[in-house]
Amino acid sequence: MLQKVFVIGVCFVALIGCTEKIPQESKQSKLEVPTQATQQKSESIEQERIRLAEEKVRTTRRQIVVSSIKQLEQQMDLLSQIMLGRQQKISNLELQANQLETDLRTYNGKVESFIMAHKTSIACMGAVDASLDESNQYSKAVKDVAGVATIACGIALLSNDEFRKEVFFVIDQLTQADSYAKNIKDDLKVIQSHIYTENESLEKEKYETNKLTSDIQKYQSQLEI
């Protein structure tokens, strides 16, 4: 009888112990769940913060790139206007140069006709102790005409005052013609120099345009990343 009571008592104590352990384990499990949820939430918040920070960096970088592209495009527009104006200027200068070359050819043709029309006076220049300056661009043409002329400068012809006047008139006209033609050539040289300078500037601007185009393309490629 005592043995049964003892066994029952032991079982009763054991049952109370088991009953007490179950609530403790349940309580521990309930504590662990909120802790894991809080940690996951913190990690999620941190990830979102990092994502937003990276997005902000990308947005800022994109804004900088877009701003740089706009600045380069503005430079391109300005440079294009300058180039357009320069090309027009070159075209005008080339027209002036072509006109001067035409004027010079036309004038030289008139001088040659004048020389041929006054072969007698030209052939007799030396006989009246008259000549063109060696620097005169028409002096060779005069010598060529005088060299092939078969006109005899007789005493009667040379003593004629009107003829002498005509010889000196021819020399004076050829001297003026030389001065006029040289002025045209000087004007032509000045214009050609301007054309050369403008073309040099245009080439530099074309190079700068190509560089700007390349820079814009580089920035645009950054937007695609």
N, C-alpha and C. Protein backbone atom coordinates (compact mmCIF):
# COMPACT_ATOMS: atom_id res chain seq x y z
N MET A 1 0.84 -1.20 0.00
CA MET A 1 0.00 0.00 0.00
C MET A 1 0.87 1.24 0.00
N LEU A 2 1.86 1.27 0.80
CA LEU A 2 2.79 2.41 0.84
C LEU A 2 3.52 2.54 -0.48
N GLN A 3 3.79 1.42 -1.08
CA GLN A 3 4.53 1.43 -2.35
C GLN A 3 3.66 2.06 -3.42
N LYS A 4 2.36 1.77 -3.46
CA LYS A 4 1.46 2.36 -4.44
C LYS A 4 1.35 3.87 -4.26
N VAL A 5 1.26 4.27 -2.97
CA VAL A 5 1.18 5.71 -2.68
C VAL A 5 2.42 6.42 -3.14
N PHE A 6 3.55 5.81 -2.96
CA PHE A 6 4.82 6.41 -3.34
C PHE A 6 4.89 6.56 -4.85
N VAL A 7 4.47 5.52 -5.56
CA VAL A 7 4.51 5.56 -7.03
C VAL A 7 3.58 6.64 -7.55
N ILE A 8 2.37 6.69 -6.94
CA ILE A 8 1.41 7.72 -7.37
C ILE A 8 1.97 9.11 -7.12
N GLY A 9 2.65 9.28 -6.01
CA GLY A 9 3.22 10.59 -5.67
C GLY A 9 4.31 10.97 -6.65
N VAL A 10 5.13 10.00 -6.99
CA VAL A 10 6.22 10.28 -7.95
C VAL A 10 5.64 10.68 -9.29
N CYS A 11 4.62 9.99 -9.71
CA CYS A 11 3.98 10.32 -11.00
C CYS A 11 3.34 11.70 -10.97
N PHE A 12 2.76 12.00 -9.83
CA PHE A 12 2.10 13.32 -9.70
C PHE A 12 3.12 14.44 -9.79
N VAL A 13 4.27 14.23 -9.12
CA VAL A 13 5.35 15.25 -9.19
C VAL A 13 5.88 15.38 -10.60
N ALA A 14 6.06 14.22 -11.26
CA ALA A 14 6.56 14.22 -12.64
C ALA A 14 5.59 14.93 -13.57
N LEU A 15 4.31 14.70 -13.34
CA LEU A 15 3.28 15.33 -14.18
C LEU A 15 3.28 16.83 -14.02
N ILE A 16 3.45 17.30 -12.79
CA ILE A 16 3.53 18.76 -12.54
C ILE A 16 4.74 19.35 -13.24
N GLY A 17 5.90 18.60 -13.20
CA GLY A 17 7.12 19.10 -13.85
C GLY A 17 6.94 19.21 -15.34
N CYS A 18 6.33 18.22 -15.93
CA CYS A 18 6.11 18.27 -17.40
C CYS A 18 5.18 19.41 -17.77
N THR A 19 4.18 19.58 -16.89
CA THR A 19 3.21 20.66 -17.17
C THR A 19 3.88 22.02 -17.10
N GLU A 20 4.81 22.22 -16.23
CA GLU A 20 5.50 23.49 -16.07
C GLU A 20 6.45 23.76 -17.23
N LYS A 21 7.06 22.69 -17.78
CA LYS A 21 8.03 22.86 -18.88
C LYS A 21 7.34 23.31 -20.15
N ILE A 22 6.15 22.82 -20.40
CA ILE A 22 5.45 23.14 -21.66
C ILE A 22 5.18 24.64 -21.81
N PRO A 23 4.67 25.28 -20.77
CA PRO A 23 4.45 26.73 -20.90
C PRO A 23 5.74 27.51 -21.10
N GLN A 24 6.84 27.07 -20.51
CA GLN A 24 8.12 27.78 -20.66
C GLN A 24 8.62 27.70 -22.08
N GLU A 25 8.53 26.47 -22.66
CA GLU A 25 8.98 26.32 -24.05
C GLU A 25 8.11 27.13 -24.98
N SER A 26 6.82 27.15 -24.71
CA SER A 26 5.89 27.92 -25.55
C SER A 26 6.18 29.40 -25.46
N LYS A 27 6.51 29.84 -24.27
CA LYS A 27 6.82 31.26 -24.04
C LYS A 27 8.08 31.64 -24.79
N GLN A 28 9.12 30.73 -24.80
CA GLN A 28 10.38 31.01 -25.47
C GLN A 28 10.15 31.10 -26.98
N SER A 29 9.30 30.20 -27.51
CA SER A 29 9.01 30.20 -28.93
C SER A 29 8.32 31.49 -29.34
N LYS A 30 7.39 31.95 -28.48
CA LYS A 30 6.69 33.21 -28.77
C LYS A 30 7.64 34.39 -28.79
N LEU A 31 8.70 34.37 -27.99
CA LEU A 31 9.68 35.46 -27.93
C LEU A 31 10.58 35.46 -29.16
N GLU A 32 10.90 34.25 -29.65
CA GLU A 32 11.82 34.14 -30.78
C GLU A 32 11.16 34.65 -32.07
N VAL A 33 9.89 34.46 -32.28
CA VAL A 33 9.19 34.85 -33.51
C VAL A 33 9.23 36.36 -33.73
N PRO A 34 8.88 37.18 -32.72
CA PRO A 34 8.96 38.62 -32.92
C PRO A 34 10.39 39.09 -33.21
N THR A 35 11.37 38.46 -32.59
CA THR A 35 12.77 38.86 -32.81
C THR A 35 13.17 38.64 -34.26
N GLN A 36 12.84 37.52 -34.87
CA GLN A 36 13.17 37.23 -36.27
C GLN A 36 12.43 38.18 -37.21
N ALA A 37 11.16 38.45 -36.90
CA ALA A 37 10.37 39.35 -37.74
C ALA A 37 10.95 40.76 -37.73
N THR A 38 11.39 41.19 -36.53
CA THR A 38 12.00 42.52 -36.41
C THR A 38 13.29 42.61 -37.21
N GLN A 39 14.08 41.54 -37.15
CA GLN A 39 15.36 41.51 -37.88
C GLN A 39 15.12 41.55 -39.39
N GLN A 40 14.15 40.78 -39.84
CA GLN A 40 13.83 40.77 -41.27
C GLN A 40 13.34 42.14 -41.73
N LYS A 41 12.51 42.77 -40.89
CA LYS A 41 12.01 44.11 -41.22
C LYS A 41 13.14 45.12 -41.30
N SER A 42 14.10 45.01 -40.37
CA SER A 42 15.25 45.92 -40.36
C SER A 42 16.09 45.74 -41.61
N GLU A 43 16.28 44.45 -41.98
CA GLU A 43 17.06 44.17 -43.18
C GLU A 43 16.35 44.70 -44.42
N SER A 44 15.04 44.56 -44.45
CA SER A 44 14.26 45.06 -45.59
C SER A 44 14.34 46.58 -45.69
N ILE A 45 14.26 47.23 -44.53
CA ILE A 45 14.36 48.70 -44.51
C ILE A 45 15.74 49.15 -44.98
N GLU A 46 16.77 48.43 -44.55
CA GLU A 46 18.15 48.77 -44.93
C GLU A 46 18.35 48.57 -46.43
N GLN A 47 17.81 47.48 -46.94
CA GLN A 47 17.91 47.23 -48.38
C GLN A 47 17.20 48.32 -49.19
N GLU A 48 16.03 48.73 -48.71
CA GLU A 48 15.28 49.78 -49.38
C GLU A 48 16.03 51.10 -49.32
N ARG A 49 16.65 51.36 -48.17
CA ARG A 49 17.45 52.59 -48.03
C ARG A 49 18.62 52.59 -49.02
N ILE A 50 19.29 51.44 -49.12
CA ILE A 50 20.42 51.32 -50.06
C ILE A 50 19.93 51.50 -51.50
N ARG A 51 18.78 50.87 -51.80
CA ARG A 51 18.23 50.99 -53.15
C ARG A 51 17.89 52.44 -53.50
N LEU A 52 17.28 53.13 -52.58
CA LEU A 52 16.92 54.54 -52.80
C LEU A 52 18.16 55.41 -52.95
N ALA A 53 19.18 55.09 -52.13
CA ALA A 53 20.44 55.85 -52.21
C ALA A 53 21.09 55.64 -53.57
N GLU A 54 21.12 54.39 -54.04
CA GLU A 54 21.71 54.09 -55.35
C GLU A 54 20.90 54.73 -56.46
N GLU A 55 19.57 54.70 -56.32
CA GLU A 55 18.70 55.33 -57.32
C GLU A 55 18.94 56.84 -57.38
N LYS A 56 19.15 57.43 -56.21
CA LYS A 56 19.42 58.86 -56.15
C LYS A 56 20.73 59.19 -56.83
N VAL A 57 21.74 58.33 -56.60
CA VAL A 57 23.05 58.53 -57.24
C VAL A 57 22.91 58.42 -58.75
N ARG A 58 22.16 57.41 -59.22
CA ARG A 58 21.95 57.24 -60.66
C ARG A 58 21.20 58.43 -61.25
N THR A 59 20.19 58.89 -60.53
CA THR A 59 19.41 60.05 -61.01
C THR A 59 20.28 61.29 -61.10
N THR A 60 21.09 61.50 -60.05
CA THR A 60 21.99 62.66 -60.04
C THR A 60 22.99 62.58 -61.18
N ARG A 61 23.57 61.38 -61.36
CA ARG A 61 24.54 61.19 -62.44
C ARG A 61 23.89 61.43 -63.79
N ARG A 62 22.66 60.93 -63.95
CA ARG A 62 21.94 61.11 -65.21
C ARG A 62 21.66 62.59 -65.48
N GLN A 63 21.27 63.31 -64.43
CA GLN A 63 21.02 64.74 -64.58
C GLN A 63 22.28 65.49 -65.00
N ILE A 64 23.42 65.09 -64.43
CA ILE A 64 24.70 65.71 -64.78
C ILE A 64 25.03 65.44 -66.24
N VAL A 65 24.84 64.18 -66.66
CA VAL A 65 25.13 63.79 -68.04
C VAL A 65 24.23 64.55 -69.01
N VAL A 66 22.92 64.60 -68.69
CA VAL A 66 21.96 65.32 -69.55
C VAL A 66 22.33 66.80 -69.64
N SER A 67 22.72 67.40 -68.50
CA SER A 67 23.13 68.80 -68.49
C SER A 67 24.37 69.01 -69.35
N SER A 68 25.32 68.08 -69.26
CA SER A 68 26.55 68.17 -70.06
C SER A 68 26.23 68.08 -71.55
N ILE A 69 25.32 67.18 -71.90
CA ILE A 69 24.92 67.03 -73.30
C ILE A 69 24.28 68.31 -73.83
N LYS A 70 23.43 68.92 -73.01
CA LYS A 70 22.76 70.17 -73.42
C LYS A 70 23.79 71.28 -73.66
N GLN A 71 24.78 71.37 -72.77
CA GLN A 71 25.81 72.38 -72.92
C GLN A 71 26.61 72.17 -74.21
N LEU A 72 26.96 70.90 -74.47
CA LEU A 72 27.71 70.59 -75.69
C LEU A 72 26.87 70.86 -76.94
N GLU A 73 25.58 70.56 -76.86
CA GLU A 73 24.69 70.82 -78.01
C GLU A 73 24.55 72.32 -78.26
N GLN A 74 24.53 73.10 -77.18
CA GLN A 74 24.49 74.55 -77.34
C GLN A 74 25.76 75.06 -78.01
N GLN A 75 26.90 74.50 -77.60
CA GLN A 75 28.16 74.85 -78.25
C GLN A 75 28.14 74.46 -79.72
N MET A 76 27.57 73.30 -80.00
CA MET A 76 27.45 72.83 -81.39
C MET A 76 26.61 73.79 -82.23
N ASP A 77 25.48 74.21 -81.66
CA ASP A 77 24.59 75.13 -82.38
C ASP A 77 25.30 76.44 -82.68
N LEU A 78 25.98 76.97 -81.66
CA LEU A 78 26.71 78.23 -81.84
C LEU A 78 27.81 78.07 -82.88
N LEU A 79 28.53 76.96 -82.79
CA LEU A 79 29.62 76.71 -83.73
C LEU A 79 29.09 76.51 -85.15
N SER A 80 27.95 75.88 -85.26
CA SER A 80 27.33 75.67 -86.58
C SER A 80 26.95 77.01 -87.21
N GLN A 81 26.44 77.93 -86.40
CA GLN A 81 26.09 79.26 -86.90
C GLN A 81 27.34 80.01 -87.36
N ILE A 82 28.40 79.90 -86.56
CA ILE A 82 29.66 80.56 -86.91
C ILE A 82 30.21 79.98 -88.22
N MET A 83 30.16 78.65 -88.34
CA MET A 83 30.66 77.99 -89.55
C MET A 83 29.83 78.38 -90.78
N LEU A 84 28.52 78.46 -90.58
CA LEU A 84 27.64 78.85 -91.68
C LEU A 84 27.98 80.26 -92.16
N GLY A 85 28.18 81.18 -91.20
CA GLY A 85 28.55 82.54 -91.54
C GLY A 85 29.91 82.61 -92.22
N ARG A 86 30.85 81.76 -91.75
CA ARG A 86 32.20 81.77 -92.32
C ARG A 86 32.18 81.21 -93.76
N GLN A 87 31.39 80.15 -93.96
CA GLN A 87 31.28 79.59 -95.30
C GLN A 87 30.68 80.60 -96.28
N GLN A 88 29.71 81.37 -95.80
CA GLN A 88 29.12 82.41 -96.64
C GLN A 88 30.16 83.49 -96.95
N LYS A 89 30.96 83.82 -95.94
CA LYS A 89 32.01 84.82 -96.14
C LYS A 89 33.04 84.34 -97.15
N ILE A 90 33.42 83.06 -97.05
CA ILE A 90 34.37 82.49 -97.99
C ILE A 90 33.80 82.51 -99.41
N SER A 91 32.52 82.17 -99.52
CA SER A 91 31.87 82.18 -100.84
C SER A 91 31.89 83.59 -101.45
N ASN A 92 31.61 84.59 -100.61
CA ASN A 92 31.62 85.98 -101.10
C ASN A 92 33.03 86.40 -101.52
N LEU A 93 34.02 85.99 -100.72
CA LEU A 93 35.41 86.33 -101.05
C LEU A 93 35.83 85.64 -102.35
N GLU A 94 35.41 84.40 -102.52
CA GLU A 94 35.76 83.67 -103.75
C GLU A 94 35.11 84.33 -104.96
N LEU A 95 33.88 84.82 -104.79
CA LEU A 95 33.22 85.54 -105.89
C LEU A 95 34.00 86.80 -106.24
N GLN A 96 34.45 87.52 -105.21
CA GLN A 96 35.25 88.73 -105.44
C GLN A 96 36.56 88.39 -106.15
N ALA A 97 37.21 87.30 -105.70
CA ALA A 97 38.47 86.89 -106.31
C ALA A 97 38.26 86.52 -107.78
N ASN A 98 37.19 85.76 -108.04
CA ASN A 98 36.89 85.37 -109.42
C ASN A 98 36.61 86.58 -110.29
N GLN A 99 35.92 87.57 -109.72
CA GLN A 99 35.61 88.78 -110.47
C GLN A 99 36.87 89.57 -110.79
N LEU A 100 37.78 89.65 -109.79
CA LEU A 100 39.04 90.35 -110.02
C LEU A 100 39.90 89.65 -111.08
N GLU A 101 39.91 88.32 -111.03
CA GLU A 101 40.66 87.57 -112.04
C GLU A 101 40.08 87.81 -113.43
N THR A 102 38.74 87.85 -113.49
CA THR A 102 38.09 88.13 -114.77
C THR A 102 38.41 89.54 -115.25
N ASP A 103 38.34 90.49 -114.32
CA ASP A 103 38.65 91.89 -114.66
C ASP A 103 40.09 92.02 -115.16
N LEU A 104 41.01 91.29 -114.48
CA LEU A 104 42.42 91.37 -114.87
C LEU A 104 42.63 90.78 -116.26
N ARG A 105 42.01 89.64 -116.53
CA ARG A 105 42.14 89.04 -117.87
C ARG A 105 41.57 89.97 -118.94
N THR A 106 40.40 90.53 -118.63
CA THR A 106 39.76 91.45 -119.59
C THR A 106 40.64 92.67 -119.82
N TYR A 107 41.19 93.21 -118.74
CA TYR A 107 42.03 94.41 -118.86
C TYR A 107 43.31 94.11 -119.64
N ASN A 108 43.94 92.97 -119.32
CA ASN A 108 45.15 92.60 -120.05
C ASN A 108 44.87 92.42 -121.54
N GLY A 109 43.67 91.90 -121.84
CA GLY A 109 43.30 91.76 -123.25
C GLY A 109 43.20 93.13 -123.93
N LYS A 110 42.66 94.09 -123.20
CA LYS A 110 42.55 95.45 -123.76
C LYS A 110 43.94 96.07 -123.95
N VAL A 111 44.84 95.82 -123.01
CA VAL A 111 46.19 96.37 -123.12
C VAL A 111 46.92 95.75 -124.31
N GLU A 112 46.73 94.44 -124.49
CA GLU A 112 47.36 93.78 -125.64
C GLU A 112 46.83 94.35 -126.96
N SER A 113 45.52 94.62 -127.00
CA SER A 113 44.94 95.24 -128.20
C SER A 113 45.52 96.63 -128.42
N PHE A 114 45.70 97.36 -127.32
CA PHE A 114 46.28 98.71 -127.40
C PHE A 114 47.70 98.64 -127.95
N ILE A 115 48.46 97.66 -127.47
CA ILE A 115 49.85 97.52 -127.93
C ILE A 115 49.88 97.22 -129.43
N MET A 116 49.03 96.29 -129.87
CA MET A 116 49.00 95.93 -131.29
C MET A 116 48.54 97.10 -132.15
N ALA A 117 47.68 97.94 -131.60
CA ALA A 117 47.18 99.10 -132.36
C ALA A 117 48.23 100.21 -132.45
N HIS A 118 49.26 100.15 -131.64
CA HIS A 118 50.30 101.19 -131.65
C HIS A 118 51.68 100.59 -131.88
N LYS A 119 51.73 99.63 -132.82
CA LYS A 119 53.00 98.97 -133.11
C LYS A 119 54.05 99.95 -133.64
N THR A 120 53.62 100.91 -134.41
CA THR A 120 54.58 101.86 -134.98
C THR A 120 55.26 102.67 -133.88
N SER A 121 54.48 103.20 -132.99
CA SER A 121 55.03 103.98 -131.88
C SER A 121 55.93 103.12 -131.00
N ILE A 122 55.51 101.89 -130.76
CA ILE A 122 56.29 100.98 -129.91
C ILE A 122 57.61 100.63 -130.59
N ALA A 123 57.57 100.38 -131.90
CA ALA A 123 58.78 100.02 -132.62
C ALA A 123 59.79 101.16 -132.65
N CYS A 124 59.30 102.38 -132.58
CA CYS A 124 60.18 103.53 -132.68
C CYS A 124 60.51 104.17 -131.34
N MET A 125 60.17 103.49 -130.25
CA MET A 125 60.46 104.04 -128.92
C MET A 125 61.95 104.31 -128.74
N GLY A 126 62.74 103.34 -129.11
CA GLY A 126 64.18 103.48 -128.92
C GLY A 126 64.74 104.62 -129.76
N ALA A 127 64.15 104.82 -130.93
CA ALA A 127 64.66 105.86 -131.83
C ALA A 127 64.42 107.26 -131.28
N VAL A 128 63.41 107.41 -130.44
CA VAL A 128 63.15 108.72 -129.85
C VAL A 128 63.63 108.76 -128.41
N ASP A 129 64.49 107.79 -128.08
CA ASP A 129 65.10 107.71 -126.75
C ASP A 129 64.04 107.59 -125.64
N ALA A 130 63.06 106.70 -125.88
CA ALA A 130 62.00 106.46 -124.90
C ALA A 130 61.86 104.95 -124.71
N SER A 131 61.47 104.55 -123.49
CA SER A 131 61.30 103.12 -123.20
C SER A 131 60.45 102.93 -121.94
N LEU A 132 59.95 101.72 -121.82
CA LEU A 132 59.20 101.38 -120.62
C LEU A 132 60.17 100.95 -119.52
N ASP A 133 59.75 101.19 -118.28
CA ASP A 133 60.54 100.70 -117.14
C ASP A 133 60.55 99.17 -117.16
N GLU A 134 61.67 98.58 -116.77
CA GLU A 134 61.81 97.12 -116.78
C GLU A 134 60.82 96.45 -115.82
N SER A 135 60.40 97.17 -114.80
CA SER A 135 59.44 96.59 -113.84
C SER A 135 58.03 96.55 -114.38
N ASN A 136 57.81 97.25 -115.52
CA ASN A 136 56.48 97.26 -116.12
C ASN A 136 56.16 95.86 -116.65
N GLN A 137 55.02 95.34 -116.24
CA GLN A 137 54.68 93.97 -116.62
C GLN A 137 54.40 93.81 -118.11
N TYR A 138 54.23 94.94 -118.80
CA TYR A 138 53.97 94.88 -120.23
C TYR A 138 55.23 95.14 -121.06
N SER A 139 56.35 95.30 -120.39
CA SER A 139 57.59 95.61 -121.12
C SER A 139 58.00 94.47 -122.05
N LYS A 140 57.76 93.23 -121.64
CA LYS A 140 58.13 92.09 -122.49
C LYS A 140 57.27 92.08 -123.76
N ALA A 141 55.97 92.33 -123.58
CA ALA A 141 55.08 92.36 -124.73
C ALA A 141 55.50 93.46 -125.70
N VAL A 142 55.92 94.60 -125.16
CA VAL A 142 56.38 95.72 -125.99
C VAL A 142 57.64 95.33 -126.75
N LYS A 143 58.58 94.67 -126.07
CA LYS A 143 59.83 94.23 -126.72
C LYS A 143 59.55 93.21 -127.82
N ASP A 144 58.60 92.30 -127.53
CA ASP A 144 58.26 91.29 -128.53
C ASP A 144 57.69 91.93 -129.79
N VAL A 145 56.80 92.94 -129.59
CA VAL A 145 56.20 93.64 -130.74
C VAL A 145 57.27 94.42 -131.50
N ALA A 146 58.13 95.10 -130.75
CA ALA A 146 59.19 95.89 -131.39
C ALA A 146 60.18 94.98 -132.13
N GLY A 147 60.38 93.76 -131.59
CA GLY A 147 61.34 92.85 -132.21
C GLY A 147 60.86 92.30 -133.54
N VAL A 148 59.56 92.14 -133.71
CA VAL A 148 59.04 91.58 -134.96
C VAL A 148 58.55 92.67 -135.93
N ALA A 149 58.53 93.92 -135.46
CA ALA A 149 58.05 95.00 -136.32
C ALA A 149 59.07 95.27 -137.42
N THR A 150 58.58 95.53 -138.61
CA THR A 150 59.45 95.84 -139.77
C THR A 150 59.32 97.30 -140.18
N ILE A 151 58.88 98.10 -139.28
CA ILE A 151 58.64 99.52 -139.57
C ILE A 151 59.98 100.27 -139.51
N ALA A 152 60.25 101.05 -140.52
CA ALA A 152 61.47 101.87 -140.55
C ALA A 152 61.16 103.23 -139.95
N CYS A 153 61.90 103.57 -138.89
CA CYS A 153 61.66 104.85 -138.22
C CYS A 153 62.54 105.91 -138.90
N GLY A 154 62.02 106.44 -140.00
CA GLY A 154 62.79 107.42 -140.77
C GLY A 154 62.90 108.76 -140.07
N ILE A 155 63.78 109.57 -140.61
CA ILE A 155 64.02 110.89 -140.03
C ILE A 155 62.76 111.74 -140.06
N ALA A 156 62.07 111.64 -141.16
CA ALA A 156 60.84 112.44 -141.30
C ALA A 156 59.82 112.03 -140.24
N LEU A 157 59.77 110.71 -139.99
CA LEU A 157 58.80 110.21 -139.01
C LEU A 157 59.20 110.62 -137.60
N LEU A 158 60.49 110.53 -137.35
CA LEU A 158 60.98 110.84 -136.01
C LEU A 158 60.94 112.33 -135.71
N SER A 159 61.06 113.14 -136.77
CA SER A 159 61.04 114.59 -136.57
C SER A 159 59.63 115.14 -136.44
N ASN A 160 58.66 114.26 -136.67
CA ASN A 160 57.26 114.66 -136.57
C ASN A 160 56.89 114.78 -135.10
N ASP A 161 56.52 115.98 -134.70
CA ASP A 161 56.22 116.24 -133.30
C ASP A 161 55.01 115.45 -132.82
N GLU A 162 54.03 115.30 -133.70
CA GLU A 162 52.82 114.55 -133.32
C GLU A 162 53.15 113.08 -133.07
N PHE A 163 54.07 112.55 -133.89
CA PHE A 163 54.45 111.16 -133.72
C PHE A 163 55.19 110.96 -132.40
N ARG A 164 56.09 111.91 -132.10
CA ARG A 164 56.82 111.83 -130.83
C ARG A 164 55.85 111.86 -129.65
N LYS A 165 54.84 112.73 -129.78
CA LYS A 165 53.84 112.80 -128.71
C LYS A 165 53.09 111.46 -128.56
N GLU A 166 52.82 110.85 -129.70
CA GLU A 166 52.11 109.57 -129.67
C GLU A 166 52.96 108.50 -128.98
N VAL A 167 54.26 108.49 -129.25
CA VAL A 167 55.15 107.51 -128.61
C VAL A 167 55.12 107.67 -127.10
N PHE A 168 55.23 108.90 -126.66
CA PHE A 168 55.21 109.14 -125.20
C PHE A 168 53.82 108.92 -124.60
N PHE A 169 52.80 109.14 -125.44
CA PHE A 169 51.43 108.82 -124.98
C PHE A 169 51.28 107.31 -124.74
N VAL A 170 51.82 106.52 -125.66
CA VAL A 170 51.76 105.06 -125.53
C VAL A 170 52.49 104.62 -124.27
N ILE A 171 53.68 105.20 -124.06
CA ILE A 171 54.45 104.86 -122.85
C ILE A 171 53.66 105.22 -121.60
N ASP A 172 53.04 106.40 -121.60
CA ASP A 172 52.26 106.84 -120.44
C ASP A 172 51.07 105.91 -120.20
N GLN A 173 50.38 105.51 -121.25
CA GLN A 173 49.22 104.62 -121.13
C GLN A 173 49.63 103.25 -120.58
N LEU A 174 50.77 102.75 -121.08
CA LEU A 174 51.25 101.45 -120.60
C LEU A 174 51.74 101.52 -119.16
N THR A 175 52.26 102.67 -118.77
CA THR A 175 52.68 102.87 -117.37
C THR A 175 51.46 102.87 -116.46
N GLN A 176 50.41 103.59 -116.88
CA GLN A 176 49.18 103.60 -116.09
C GLN A 176 48.52 102.21 -116.06
N ALA A 177 48.60 101.53 -117.21
CA ALA A 177 48.02 100.19 -117.29
C ALA A 177 48.74 99.25 -116.33
N ASP A 178 50.05 99.38 -116.26
CA ASP A 178 50.83 98.55 -115.35
C ASP A 178 50.41 98.81 -113.89
N SER A 179 50.25 100.09 -113.54
CA SER A 179 49.85 100.45 -112.18
C SER A 179 48.46 99.91 -111.85
N TYR A 180 47.54 100.04 -112.81
CA TYR A 180 46.17 99.57 -112.59
C TYR A 180 46.14 98.05 -112.42
N ALA A 181 46.85 97.36 -113.30
CA ALA A 181 46.88 95.90 -113.24
C ALA A 181 47.51 95.41 -111.93
N LYS A 182 48.56 96.11 -111.48
CA LYS A 182 49.20 95.73 -110.22
C LYS A 182 48.26 95.96 -109.04
N ASN A 183 47.46 97.01 -109.10
CA ASN A 183 46.48 97.25 -108.03
C ASN A 183 45.45 96.12 -107.96
N ILE A 184 45.03 95.66 -109.16
CA ILE A 184 44.09 94.54 -109.19
C ILE A 184 44.74 93.31 -108.58
N LYS A 185 45.99 93.06 -108.94
CA LYS A 185 46.70 91.90 -108.41
C LYS A 185 46.88 92.00 -106.90
N ASP A 186 47.17 93.21 -106.43
CA ASP A 186 47.32 93.39 -104.97
C ASP A 186 46.00 93.12 -104.25
N ASP A 187 44.90 93.64 -104.82
CA ASP A 187 43.58 93.38 -104.23
C ASP A 187 43.28 91.88 -104.24
N LEU A 188 43.67 91.23 -105.33
CA LEU A 188 43.43 89.80 -105.45
C LEU A 188 44.23 89.02 -104.40
N LYS A 189 45.47 89.45 -104.17
CA LYS A 189 46.31 88.79 -103.15
C LYS A 189 45.72 88.95 -101.76
N VAL A 190 45.20 90.15 -101.48
CA VAL A 190 44.59 90.40 -100.17
C VAL A 190 43.38 89.49 -99.97
N ILE A 191 42.53 89.40 -100.99
CA ILE A 191 41.34 88.56 -100.89
C ILE A 191 41.72 87.09 -100.76
N GLN A 192 42.71 86.66 -101.53
CA GLN A 192 43.15 85.26 -101.45
C GLN A 192 43.73 84.95 -100.08
N SER A 193 44.40 85.93 -99.49
CA SER A 193 44.93 85.76 -98.14
C SER A 193 43.78 85.60 -97.13
N HIS A 194 42.73 86.41 -97.30
CA HIS A 194 41.55 86.31 -96.44
C HIS A 194 40.89 84.93 -96.59
N ILE A 195 40.81 84.47 -97.85
CA ILE A 195 40.20 83.17 -98.10
C ILE A 195 41.00 82.07 -97.40
N TYR A 196 42.31 82.17 -97.49
CA TYR A 196 43.18 81.17 -96.85
C TYR A 196 42.97 81.18 -95.33
N THR A 197 42.93 82.38 -94.75
CA THR A 197 42.74 82.51 -93.30
C THR A 197 41.38 81.96 -92.87
N GLU A 198 40.35 82.31 -93.64
CA GLU A 198 38.99 81.85 -93.31
C GLU A 198 38.89 80.33 -93.44
N ASN A 199 39.53 79.77 -94.43
CA ASN A 199 39.51 78.31 -94.61
C ASN A 199 40.24 77.61 -93.46
N GLU A 200 41.32 78.21 -93.00
CA GLU A 200 42.03 77.64 -91.85
C GLU A 200 41.13 77.64 -90.61
N SER A 201 40.46 78.76 -90.39
CA SER A 201 39.54 78.85 -89.25
C SER A 201 38.40 77.84 -89.39
N LEU A 202 37.91 77.69 -90.61
CA LEU A 202 36.81 76.75 -90.86
C LEU A 202 37.25 75.32 -90.57
N GLU A 203 38.47 74.97 -90.93
CA GLU A 203 38.98 73.62 -90.67
C GLU A 203 39.09 73.37 -89.16
N LYS A 204 39.53 74.39 -88.42
CA LYS A 204 39.62 74.27 -86.96
C LYS A 204 38.23 74.07 -86.36
N GLU A 205 37.26 74.81 -86.89
CA GLU A 205 35.89 74.70 -86.39
C GLU A 205 35.28 73.34 -86.73
N LYS A 206 35.64 72.81 -87.89
CA LYS A 206 35.17 71.46 -88.26
C LYS A 206 35.75 70.43 -87.30
N TYR A 207 37.03 70.60 -86.97
CA TYR A 207 37.68 69.69 -86.02
C TYR A 207 36.98 69.77 -84.66
N GLU A 208 36.68 71.00 -84.22
CA GLU A 208 36.02 71.19 -82.94
C GLU A 208 34.61 70.60 -82.97
N THR A 209 33.94 70.72 -84.11
CA THR A 209 32.61 70.14 -84.26
C THR A 209 32.65 68.61 -84.14
N ASN A 210 33.63 68.01 -84.78
CA ASN A 210 33.80 66.55 -84.70
C ASN A 210 34.08 66.12 -83.26
N LYS A 211 34.87 66.91 -82.56
CA LYS A 211 35.20 66.59 -81.17
C LYS A 211 33.95 66.69 -80.29
N LEU A 212 33.17 67.74 -80.49
CA LEU A 212 31.93 67.91 -79.73
C LEU A 212 30.96 66.76 -80.01
N THR A 213 30.88 66.38 -81.27
CA THR A 213 30.00 65.26 -81.65
C THR A 213 30.43 63.98 -80.94
N SER A 214 31.74 63.75 -80.91
CA SER A 214 32.27 62.56 -80.23
C SER A 214 31.97 62.61 -78.73
N ASP A 215 32.14 63.79 -78.12
CA ASP A 215 31.87 63.94 -76.68
C ASP A 215 30.39 63.71 -76.37
N ILE A 216 29.52 64.21 -77.22
CA ILE A 216 28.08 64.03 -77.02
C ILE A 216 27.72 62.55 -77.10
N GLN A 217 28.31 61.85 -78.06
CA GLN A 217 28.04 60.42 -78.20
C GLN A 217 28.51 59.64 -76.98
N LYS A 218 29.64 60.05 -76.41
CA LYS A 218 30.15 59.39 -75.21
C LYS A 218 29.17 59.58 -74.04
N TYR A 219 28.69 60.80 -73.88
CA TYR A 219 27.74 61.07 -72.80
C TYR A 219 26.43 60.30 -73.03
N GLN A 220 25.98 60.26 -74.28
CA GLN A 220 24.73 59.54 -74.58
C GLN A 220 24.86 58.04 -74.28
N SER A 221 26.05 57.50 -74.50
CA SER A 221 26.26 56.09 -74.20
C SER A 221 26.17 55.83 -72.71
N GLN A 222 26.50 56.84 -71.90
CA GLN A 222 26.40 56.70 -70.45
C GLN A 222 24.93 56.64 -70.02
N LEU A 223 24.05 57.26 -70.77
CA LEU A 223 22.62 57.23 -70.44
C LEU A 223 22.02 55.86 -70.68
N GLU A 224 22.67 55.08 -71.55
CA GLU A 224 22.15 53.76 -71.89
C GLU A 224 22.54 52.71 -70.87
N ILE A 225 23.49 53.05 -69.99
CA ILE A 225 23.95 52.09 -68.98
C ILE A 225 22.90 51.91 -67.89
